[in-house]
Every structure is written in structure tokens, then in C-alpha cells.
């Protein structure tokens, strides 16, 4: 599933190509693509028609399109294979095209939601009470992400210590910190020399600040090259893949030498996922007898 860097790359593309444009028509070509919209496909299309798209926003892995002058936003959930593509009008339809949005201008492009596995979708939601940036109410519980200027590091450290969990679980807890998924958690933990099962209660304030710094660094590095693409399913709005998979230090490198010490990297099953780590640099926590 796309993480913060991949979603931010898509958001930036939408800001360039979609912001300020007025919707003329919406075609919902598969009902699952709007299953999170309470009124269904016809209602989604009718309510979006004639609305002007504001500047796309993001929190963590979620992005949304505020509607200008309205307390409504279109929430985009990419799921495992969702793509928001800006295509020339008249270009051949993608095999898994689910939603088409045409605009009332002469730009010559349209917005398409393509989703092979139909786990993602678009939906229209009221803005959360007190939100100044059009945050949809259904994701109001999602914490700010580490690249957000308003992210509160002191509060995060206190919440981390109080959580009584392990460090990787805490990194993936979107109510504590948003945008971090399995790939960037493993990368940040490798850079921090922390084992994924390290208890959060053992992290000092400087140690958690160091970890947070590595989370930011790895995400900014991924952003600079368009995110991480392991297959053709994650692409930006122009259909281009990211290249950060070539720079990964931990994730997907089982049995390859650690870039720091040369020890073969290991993979362990973890919460229906995999964790990649160096057994020498990232020693497991001691088990108390």
C-alpha cells in the first residue's frame, strides 16, 4: 500500500493538474469504487457535478480534494492498487478504469481513478468540525504526519512512552503518527539501529527524536525520487514509477549484506507482514526472566 511519500507525489501532481478546475461530468464505472460514499455512484456523480476543486491536501496516507466554497471534500483512498491519473481526453480507457471526471474547460485532460484490485475508492464527506483545511470527518482521528509543520514532537514522545508497545507497532499506529508504513518503518529502524521489537517505554527523549529524524530523512529521500515502486501499480498522476526501491537499505534485502557492517540481512514474519533488519546492528531486546 502506498505510504506518505507516494501519496504526496500524487497530491503534488493533482495540485498541478486539477486544482481550480470545475467538474462537468462524473462517470462511475464500477460500484466498488464508491462503496465508501453513502449515497452510491449516482449520488456521488450528481453531487460533484458543477463543483470546483480546491488545492489537494494530505494527511499521512490519505489525500482529499476540498471543494471550493463548500464544507465538503472528496476523499481518495488508493488501497493496494489505486491510481489517480491525469489523461488526455479521448485517450484509450485503462483496463481497470473505475471513475472518470471531466472538467468544464479547454485544458484537454481528465481525471481517472484506476484500480485493479478495487480496494481503493473515492467518496464525498463533510469537513470535520473546526478543520481549516477541509479534513474529511471520517479521517479526523488520523494523527498529523512527521512532515507536517504542526506535528508535535514532545506530545509524540509522551504518547510513545505511554503506549506500552513495541517501536514498529507504534510507528504504524496512525493515531500516533500517520503516513509511516512497513517499508519506511523498516528503513527508519535500520538507520536508527533499533530492533522492531524494542519496547517504546525504553526509548529516551533523544532516542525517539533521533528515530523521528530518520523517519523524516527517509521519507524526504523517497519524495525526491518519486516514492517507492515495486511493481506497476504505484505510479504518479502521469503514470510514472518512483525509484526509491533502488536506495532501500533494509526492506526487501533478505540475505544481502548490511550496508553498514556486511552481516546478511534477515526477514521475519511480523503481523501478517515482514520485518527486515540487520541482526548485528539491530540487536533484539533482552528478554527479562
Protein backbone atom coordinates (compact mmCIF):
# COMPACT_ATOMS: atom_id res chain seq x y z
CA UNK A 1 0.00 0.00 0.00
CA UNK A 2 1.34 3.48 -0.81
CA UNK A 3 2.84 5.32 2.15
CA UNK A 4 3.29 9.05 2.76
CA UNK A 5 5.90 9.75 0.04
CA UNK A 6 3.90 8.02 -2.67
CA UNK A 7 0.65 9.75 -1.69
CA UNK A 8 2.40 13.12 -1.51
CA UNK A 9 3.79 12.63 -5.03
CA UNK A 10 0.22 12.01 -6.25
CA UNK A 11 -1.06 15.03 -4.30
CA UNK A 12 1.51 17.33 -5.90
CA UNK A 13 0.52 16.10 -9.34
CA UNK A 14 -3.16 16.72 -8.61
CA UNK A 15 -2.35 20.22 -7.35
CA UNK A 16 -0.69 20.99 -10.67
CA UNK A 17 -3.30 19.46 -12.96
CA UNK A 18 -6.65 19.52 -11.12
CA UNK A 19 -6.78 22.40 -8.60
CA UNK A 20 -9.10 25.22 -9.64
CA UNK A 21 -10.95 23.20 -12.27
CA UNK A 22 -14.74 22.81 -12.30
CA UNK A 23 -16.29 19.37 -12.68
CA UNK A 24 -18.55 18.95 -15.71
CA UNK A 25 -19.43 15.25 -15.56
CA UNK A 26 -18.56 12.19 -13.49
CA UNK A 27 -18.81 8.60 -14.68
CA UNK A 28 -18.78 5.84 -12.05
CA UNK A 29 -17.90 2.67 -13.94
CA UNK A 30 -17.66 0.26 -11.00
CA UNK A 31 -19.80 0.40 -7.83
CA UNK A 32 -16.98 -0.74 -5.53
CA UNK A 33 -15.03 2.40 -6.39
CA UNK A 34 -17.63 4.47 -4.49
CA UNK A 35 -18.64 1.94 -1.84
CA UNK A 36 -17.47 4.31 0.91
CA UNK A 37 -19.81 7.01 -0.41
CA UNK A 38 -23.12 6.58 1.46
CA UNK A 39 -25.31 7.60 -1.48
CA UNK A 40 -23.77 5.34 -4.13
CA UNK A 41 -22.47 6.11 -7.60
CA UNK A 42 -25.34 8.20 -8.97
CA UNK A 43 -25.38 10.43 -5.88
CA UNK A 44 -21.58 10.82 -5.95
CA UNK A 45 -21.67 11.91 -9.59
CA UNK A 46 -24.61 14.28 -9.14
CA UNK A 47 -23.20 16.00 -6.06
CA UNK A 48 -19.77 16.51 -7.60
CA UNK A 49 -21.08 17.95 -10.86
CA UNK A 50 -20.51 21.73 -11.06
CA UNK A 51 -18.15 21.83 -8.08
CA UNK A 52 -14.72 23.47 -8.27
CA UNK A 53 -11.74 21.52 -6.92
CA UNK A 54 -9.58 23.31 -4.37
CA UNK A 55 -5.91 22.65 -3.58
CA UNK A 56 -5.50 18.92 -2.84
CA UNK A 57 -4.48 18.13 0.74
CA UNK A 58 -2.95 15.15 2.51
CA UNK A 59 -2.66 13.73 5.99
CA UNK A 60 -0.46 10.68 6.26
CA UNK A 61 -1.54 8.17 3.61
CA UNK A 62 -4.85 9.91 2.93
CA UNK A 63 -5.46 12.63 0.37
CA UNK A 64 -8.53 14.68 -0.34
CA UNK A 65 -9.81 17.31 -2.75
CA UNK A 66 -11.58 20.17 -0.94
CA UNK A 67 -14.49 21.69 -2.84
CA UNK A 68 -14.21 25.47 -3.06
CA UNK A 69 -16.79 27.34 -1.03
CA UNK A 70 -18.23 24.13 0.44
CA UNK A 71 -17.79 22.16 3.64
CA UNK A 72 -17.27 19.04 1.54
CA UNK A 73 -14.21 17.12 0.36
CA UNK A 74 -13.57 14.19 -1.96
CA UNK A 75 -11.55 11.63 -0.06
CA UNK A 76 -9.24 9.46 -2.13
CA UNK A 77 -8.21 6.07 -0.77
CA UNK A 78 -5.69 4.33 -3.06
CA UNK A 79 -5.77 0.95 -1.32
CA UNK A 80 -3.36 -1.61 -2.76
CA UNK A 81 -3.56 -0.66 -6.42
CA UNK A 82 -5.49 2.59 -6.82
CA UNK A 83 -4.18 5.21 -9.25
CA UNK A 84 -5.32 8.78 -9.84
CA UNK A 85 -4.24 9.60 -13.37
CA UNK A 86 -4.49 12.78 -15.42
CA UNK A 87 -5.02 11.65 -19.00
CA UNK A 88 -5.75 13.38 -22.31
CA UNK A 89 -9.42 13.38 -23.20
CA UNK A 90 -10.02 10.62 -25.71
CA UNK A 91 -7.04 8.52 -24.62
CA UNK A 92 -7.89 4.79 -24.56
CA UNK A 93 -9.54 3.67 -21.34
CA UNK A 94 -7.39 1.70 -18.93
CA UNK A 95 -8.47 -1.90 -18.37
CA UNK A 96 -9.35 -1.19 -14.74
CA UNK A 97 -10.80 2.31 -15.12
CA UNK A 98 -13.36 2.81 -12.32
CA UNK A 99 -14.22 6.55 -12.28
CA UNK A 100 -13.81 9.30 -14.88
CA UNK A 101 -14.06 13.02 -14.05
CA UNK A 102 -14.36 15.50 -16.92
CA UNK A 103 -13.91 19.24 -16.44
CA UNK A 104 -15.68 22.22 -17.99
CA UNK A 105 -12.63 23.85 -19.57
CA UNK A 106 -10.48 23.51 -22.67
CA UNK A 107 -7.41 22.07 -20.95
CA UNK A 108 -7.92 18.77 -22.74
CA UNK A 109 -7.29 16.47 -19.78
CA UNK A 110 -9.50 14.46 -17.44
CA UNK A 111 -9.02 12.77 -14.08
CA UNK A 112 -9.29 8.99 -13.92
CA UNK A 113 -9.39 6.61 -10.96
CA UNK A 114 -7.94 3.25 -11.97
CA UNK A 115 -7.90 0.32 -9.55
CA UNK A 116 -7.04 -3.24 -10.47
CA UNK A 117 -7.96 -4.81 -7.13
CA UNK A 118 -10.82 -2.39 -6.27
CA UNK A 119 -9.68 -2.00 -2.65
CA UNK A 120 -9.50 1.79 -3.01
CA UNK A 121 -12.08 4.36 -3.99
CA UNK A 122 -13.43 7.92 -3.88
CA UNK A 123 -16.11 9.27 -1.55
CA UNK A 124 -17.64 12.62 -0.62
CA UNK A 125 -17.60 13.65 3.05
CA UNK A 126 -18.42 16.55 5.31
CA UNK A 127 -15.49 18.54 6.64
CA UNK A 128 -14.52 17.74 10.22
CA UNK A 129 -15.66 20.30 12.77
CA UNK A 130 -13.05 23.01 13.29
CA UNK A 131 -10.86 21.89 10.37
CA UNK A 132 -9.32 24.78 8.45
CA UNK A 133 -8.02 22.64 5.58
CA UNK A 134 -11.13 20.67 4.65
CA UNK A 135 -10.15 17.48 6.52
CA UNK A 136 -12.92 14.90 5.94
CA UNK A 137 -14.70 13.93 9.13
CA UNK A 138 -14.08 10.20 8.60
CA UNK A 139 -10.31 10.66 9.00
CA UNK A 140 -10.37 13.25 11.77
CA UNK A 141 -8.83 10.67 14.13
CA UNK A 142 -5.70 10.32 11.98
CA UNK A 143 -2.65 11.91 13.60
CA UNK A 144 -0.51 14.50 11.87
CA UNK A 145 2.42 13.11 9.93
CA UNK A 146 6.12 13.81 10.61
CA UNK A 147 6.44 16.17 7.63
CA UNK A 148 3.55 18.33 8.87
CA UNK A 149 4.86 21.65 10.28
CA UNK A 150 2.31 21.32 13.11
CA UNK A 151 3.49 17.86 14.19
CA UNK A 152 4.07 17.98 17.97
CA UNK A 153 7.31 16.12 18.76
CA UNK A 154 7.00 16.50 22.52
CA UNK A 155 3.46 15.12 22.55
CA UNK A 156 4.53 12.27 20.29
CA UNK A 157 7.33 11.26 22.65
CA UNK A 158 4.97 11.24 25.64
CA UNK A 159 2.39 9.20 23.72
CA UNK A 160 5.10 6.79 22.60
CA UNK A 161 6.26 6.19 26.15
CA UNK A 162 2.71 5.77 27.44
CA UNK A 163 1.64 3.35 24.70
CA UNK A 164 3.40 0.32 26.20
CA UNK A 165 4.00 -1.37 22.89
CA UNK A 166 6.92 -2.09 20.58
CA UNK A 167 8.57 0.51 18.38
CA UNK A 168 7.47 -0.74 14.98
CA UNK A 169 3.87 -1.17 16.11
CA UNK A 170 4.00 2.43 17.34
CA UNK A 171 5.37 3.67 14.02
CA UNK A 172 2.47 2.02 12.18
CA UNK A 173 -0.16 3.32 14.62
CA UNK A 174 -1.88 6.04 12.56
CA UNK A 175 -3.44 7.53 15.71
CA UNK A 176 0.09 8.33 16.99
CA UNK A 177 1.87 9.27 13.78
CA UNK A 178 0.48 8.98 10.28
CA UNK A 179 1.98 8.13 6.92
CA UNK A 180 4.50 5.51 8.04
CA UNK A 181 4.01 2.01 6.64
CA UNK A 182 6.02 -1.18 6.61
CA UNK A 183 8.69 -0.06 4.14
CA UNK A 184 9.65 3.24 5.73
CA UNK A 185 9.35 1.84 9.26
CA UNK A 186 11.99 -0.79 8.45
CA UNK A 187 14.18 1.83 6.78
CA UNK A 188 14.00 4.26 9.73
CA UNK A 189 14.62 1.49 12.28
CA UNK A 190 17.69 0.31 10.34
CA UNK A 191 19.06 3.84 10.25
CA UNK A 192 18.38 4.17 14.00
CA UNK A 193 19.93 0.76 14.81
CA UNK A 194 16.71 -0.21 16.61
CA UNK A 195 15.16 -3.66 16.57
CA UNK A 196 11.49 -3.67 15.60
CA UNK A 197 10.51 -5.35 18.91
CA UNK A 198 12.21 -2.71 21.09
CA UNK A 199 9.71 -1.60 23.78
CA UNK A 200 8.63 2.03 23.37
CA UNK A 201 8.91 2.54 27.11
CA UNK A 202 12.68 2.10 26.85
CA UNK A 203 13.13 4.98 24.41
CA UNK A 204 14.60 8.14 25.88
CA UNK A 205 13.56 11.53 24.51
CA UNK A 206 16.82 11.89 22.49
CA UNK A 207 16.40 8.35 21.11
CA UNK A 208 12.83 8.92 19.97
CA UNK A 209 13.85 12.27 18.47
CA UNK A 210 16.65 10.52 16.56
CA UNK A 211 14.17 7.93 15.26
CA UNK A 212 11.76 10.65 14.19
CA UNK A 213 14.60 12.39 12.37
CA UNK A 214 15.39 9.22 10.44
CA UNK A 215 11.70 8.80 9.56
CA UNK A 216 11.72 12.31 8.08
CA UNK A 217 15.02 11.78 6.29
CA UNK A 218 13.99 8.55 4.60
CA UNK A 219 10.62 9.98 3.55
CA UNK A 220 12.19 13.13 2.11
CA UNK A 221 14.74 11.00 0.24
CA UNK A 222 11.90 8.90 -1.20
CA UNK A 223 9.96 12.01 -2.17
CA UNK A 224 12.96 13.32 -4.09
CA UNK A 225 12.84 10.34 -6.46
CA UNK A 226 9.08 9.90 -6.72
CA UNK A 227 8.50 7.31 -3.99
CA UNK A 228 8.92 3.55 -3.99
CA UNK A 229 7.56 1.34 -6.80
CA UNK A 230 7.95 -2.42 -6.55
CA UNK A 231 5.54 -3.05 -9.44
CA UNK A 232 3.48 -1.09 -11.94
CA UNK A 233 0.61 -0.50 -9.51
CA UNK A 234 2.02 2.61 -7.81
CA UNK A 235 2.51 5.48 -10.27
CA UNK A 236 2.18 9.25 -10.17
CA UNK A 237 -0.60 11.14 -11.99
CA UNK A 238 1.36 10.88 -15.25
CA UNK A 239 1.73 7.11 -14.94
CA UNK A 240 5.42 7.20 -13.95
CA UNK A 241 7.01 4.95 -11.31
CA UNK A 242 9.18 6.06 -8.40
CA UNK A 243 12.77 4.93 -7.95
CA UNK A 244 13.43 4.79 -4.20
CA UNK A 245 13.37 0.96 -4.26
CA UNK A 246 16.91 1.23 -5.65
CA UNK A 247 18.05 3.03 -2.46
CA UNK A 248 16.45 0.85 0.21
CA UNK A 249 18.81 -0.20 2.99
CA UNK A 250 16.60 -2.75 4.76
CA UNK A 251 13.25 -3.55 3.18
CA UNK A 252 13.36 -6.43 0.68
CA UNK A 253 17.09 -7.11 1.23
CA UNK A 254 16.93 -10.53 2.89
CA UNK A 255 20.33 -12.33 2.80
CA UNK A 256 22.00 -9.29 1.21
CA UNK A 257 24.90 -7.72 3.18
CA UNK A 258 24.04 -4.93 5.60
CA UNK A 259 25.30 -1.68 4.09
CA UNK A 260 26.84 -0.77 7.48
CA UNK A 261 28.50 -3.95 8.76
CA UNK A 262 28.21 -6.56 6.00
CA UNK A 263 26.14 -9.03 8.04
CA UNK A 264 23.43 -10.76 5.95
CA UNK A 265 20.08 -9.04 6.44
CA UNK A 266 17.23 -11.09 7.85
CA UNK A 267 13.49 -11.20 7.34
CA UNK A 268 10.97 -12.24 9.96
CA UNK A 269 7.21 -12.66 9.68
CA UNK A 270 5.53 -9.88 11.63
CA UNK A 271 1.80 -9.06 11.90
CA UNK A 272 0.95 -10.60 8.51
CA UNK A 273 3.85 -8.62 7.05
CA UNK A 274 7.62 -8.96 7.03
CA UNK A 275 10.25 -7.12 9.01
CA UNK A 276 13.73 -6.71 7.53
CA UNK A 277 16.66 -5.97 9.85
CA UNK A 278 20.34 -6.48 10.49
CA UNK A 279 20.89 -9.00 13.32
CA UNK A 280 24.15 -7.31 14.29
CA UNK A 281 23.26 -3.62 14.05
CA UNK A 282 19.70 -4.05 15.33
CA UNK A 283 20.02 -6.45 18.22
CA UNK A 284 16.75 -7.75 19.71
CA UNK A 285 15.79 -6.55 23.18
CA UNK A 286 16.73 -8.69 26.14
CA UNK A 287 14.00 -10.96 27.41
CA UNK A 288 13.53 -10.48 31.14
CA UNK A 289 13.48 -13.73 33.09
